[in-house]
Amino acid sequence: MTCVKCAKAVEKAIAAIDGVESVKVCDKSGKALVTMKEGKTLDKTAVETALKETEFKTKSVVKAEPKKDENKEAKTEEKSKG
């Protein structure tokens, strides 16, 4: 993938997958960072199906652990101090 237009086409295809909260594709690296809604997961088959309309294919799907929401914890802590 070498252009922004290609990256946007891939972003649009992946964003249409059920449970996708956000997606950002880097045209230079060809990698996509996909954030899923809570309780949803993304598998390689879903990505492959979504990309059928584009000229791109997946090499791998790697699961990353969600980042800890420190602000959420702080808010919960403040409420409990009440």
C-alpha atoms as a PDB file:
ATOM      1  CA  MET A   1       0.000   0.000   0.000  1.00  0.00           C
ATOM      2  CA  THR A   2       1.566   3.228  -1.082  1.00  0.00           C
ATOM      3  CA  CYS A   3      -1.074   5.933  -1.012  1.00  0.00           C
ATOM      4  CA  VAL A   4      -3.571   7.584   1.286  1.00  0.00           C
ATOM      5  CA  LYS A   5      -6.458   6.683  -1.040  1.00  0.00           C
ATOM      6  CA  CYS A   6      -5.627   2.986  -0.660  1.00  0.00           C
ATOM      7  CA  ALA A   7      -5.386   3.315   3.123  1.00  0.00           C
ATOM      8  CA  LYS A   8      -8.789   5.022   3.239  1.00  0.00           C
ATOM      9  CA  ALA A   9     -10.345   2.206   1.168  1.00  0.00           C
ATOM     10  CA  VAL A  10      -9.009  -0.368   3.607  1.00  0.00           C
ATOM     11  CA  GLU A  11     -10.150   1.710   6.600  1.00  0.00           C
ATOM     12  CA  LYS A  12     -13.655   1.932   5.149  1.00  0.00           C
ATOM     13  CA  ALA A  13     -13.820  -1.825   4.528  1.00  0.00           C
ATOM     14  CA  ILE A  14     -12.611  -2.733   8.027  1.00  0.00           C
ATOM     15  CA  ALA A  15     -14.803  -0.085   9.695  1.00  0.00           C
ATOM     16  CA  ALA A  16     -17.856  -1.862   8.255  1.00  0.00           C
ATOM     17  CA  ILE A  17     -17.102  -5.016  10.281  1.00  0.00           C
ATOM     18  CA  ASP A  18     -19.538  -5.567  13.153  1.00  0.00           C
ATOM     19  CA  GLY A  19     -18.040  -4.455  16.449  1.00  0.00           C
ATOM     20  CA  VAL A  20     -15.332  -2.180  15.066  1.00  0.00           C
ATOM     21  CA  GLU A  21     -15.141   1.036  17.056  1.00  0.00           C
ATOM     22  CA  SER A  22     -12.337   2.681  15.065  1.00  0.00           C
ATOM     23  CA  VAL A  23      -9.664   1.862  12.518  1.00  0.00           C
ATOM     24  CA  LYS A  24      -6.526   3.658  11.385  1.00  0.00           C
ATOM     25  CA  VAL A  25      -4.417   2.390   8.474  1.00  0.00           C
ATOM     26  CA  CYS A  26      -0.861   3.561   7.812  1.00  0.00           C
ATOM     27  CA  ASP A  27      -0.203   3.774   4.082  1.00  0.00           C
ATOM     28  CA  LYS A  28       3.560   3.516   4.645  1.00  0.00           C
ATOM     29  CA  SER A  29       3.613   0.337   6.752  1.00  0.00           C
ATOM     30  CA  GLY A  30       0.387  -1.197   5.463  1.00  0.00           C
ATOM     31  CA  LYS A  31      -0.672  -1.956   9.023  1.00  0.00           C
ATOM     32  CA  ALA A  32      -4.077  -1.291  10.500  1.00  0.00           C
ATOM     33  CA  LEU A  33      -4.828  -0.529  14.126  1.00  0.00           C
ATOM     34  CA  VAL A  34      -8.368  -1.627  14.886  1.00  0.00           C
ATOM     35  CA  THR A  35     -10.152  -0.822  18.130  1.00  0.00           C
ATOM     36  CA  MET A  36     -13.086  -3.071  18.913  1.00  0.00           C
ATOM     37  CA  LYS A  37     -16.134  -2.276  20.998  1.00  0.00           C
ATOM     38  CA  GLU A  38     -16.172  -3.799  24.459  1.00  0.00           C
ATOM     39  CA  GLY A  39     -16.914  -7.510  24.341  1.00  0.00           C
ATOM     40  CA  LYS A  40     -16.257  -7.803  20.593  1.00  0.00           C
ATOM     41  CA  THR A  41     -13.334  -9.529  18.910  1.00  0.00           C
ATOM     42  CA  LEU A  42     -11.850  -9.343  15.427  1.00  0.00           C
ATOM     43  CA  ASP A  43     -10.736 -12.390  13.500  1.00  0.00           C
ATOM     44  CA  LYS A  44      -8.782 -12.830  10.293  1.00  0.00           C
ATOM     45  CA  THR A  45     -11.779 -14.230   8.387  1.00  0.00           C
ATOM     46  CA  ALA A  46     -13.832 -11.102   9.067  1.00  0.00           C
ATOM     47  CA  VAL A  47     -11.010  -8.903   7.784  1.00  0.00           C
ATOM     48  CA  GLU A  48     -10.463 -11.071   4.695  1.00  0.00           C
ATOM     49  CA  THR A  49     -14.180 -10.940   3.885  1.00  0.00           C
ATOM     50  CA  ALA A  50     -14.298  -7.162   4.342  1.00  0.00           C
ATOM     51  CA  LEU A  51     -11.285  -6.673   2.067  1.00  0.00           C
ATOM     52  CA  LYS A  52     -12.676  -8.732  -0.847  1.00  0.00           C
ATOM     53  CA  GLU A  53     -13.828  -5.495  -2.524  1.00  0.00           C
ATOM     54  CA  THR A  54     -10.310  -4.038  -2.336  1.00  0.00           C
ATOM     55  CA  GLU A  55      -7.058  -5.275  -3.867  1.00  0.00           C
ATOM     56  CA  PHE A  56      -5.547  -5.905  -0.431  1.00  0.00           C
ATOM     57  CA  LYS A  57      -5.286  -9.041   1.688  1.00  0.00           C
ATOM     58  CA  THR A  58      -4.365  -9.759   5.287  1.00  0.00           C
ATOM     59  CA  LYS A  59      -1.049 -11.248   6.301  1.00  0.00           C
ATOM     60  CA  SER A  60      -1.924 -11.649   9.948  1.00  0.00           C
ATOM     61  CA  VAL A  61      -4.249 -10.482  12.677  1.00  0.00           C
ATOM     62  CA  VAL A  62      -2.567  -9.891  16.016  1.00  0.00           C
ATOM     63  CA  LYS A  63      -4.556  -9.336  19.173  1.00  0.00           C
ATOM     64  CA  ALA A  64      -3.288  -6.591  21.438  1.00  0.00           C
ATOM     65  CA  GLU A  65      -4.417  -6.142  24.983  1.00  0.00           C
ATOM     66  CA  PRO A  66      -6.527  -3.045  25.617  1.00  0.00           C
ATOM     67  CA  LYS A  67      -4.862  -0.124  27.295  1.00  0.00           C
ATOM     68  CA  LYS A  68      -5.826   0.497  30.879  1.00  0.00           C
ATOM     69  CA  ASP A  69      -8.176   3.469  31.143  1.00  0.00           C
ATOM     70  CA  GLU A  70      -6.490   5.383  33.972  1.00  0.00           C
ATOM     71  CA  ASN A  71      -9.070   8.185  33.818  1.00  0.00           C
ATOM     72  CA  LYS A  72     -11.894   5.684  34.321  1.00  0.00           C
ATOM     73  CA  GLU A  73     -10.155   4.262  37.377  1.00  0.00           C
ATOM     74  CA  ALA A  74      -9.559   7.745  38.776  1.00  0.00           C
ATOM     75  CA  LYS A  75     -13.228   8.678  38.330  1.00  0.00           C
ATOM     76  CA  THR A  76     -14.337   5.472  40.044  1.00  0.00           C
ATOM     77  CA  GLU A  77     -11.955   6.144  42.897  1.00  0.00           C
ATOM     78  CA  GLU A  78     -13.207   9.733  43.310  1.00  0.00           C
ATOM     79  CA  LYS A  79     -16.828   8.597  43.418  1.00  0.00           C
ATOM     80  CA  SER A  80     -16.116   5.994  46.079  1.00  0.00           C
ATOM     81  CA  LYS A  81     -14.467   8.641  48.288  1.00  0.00           C
ATOM     82  CA  GLY A  82     -17.626  10.610  47.893  1.00  0.00           C
END
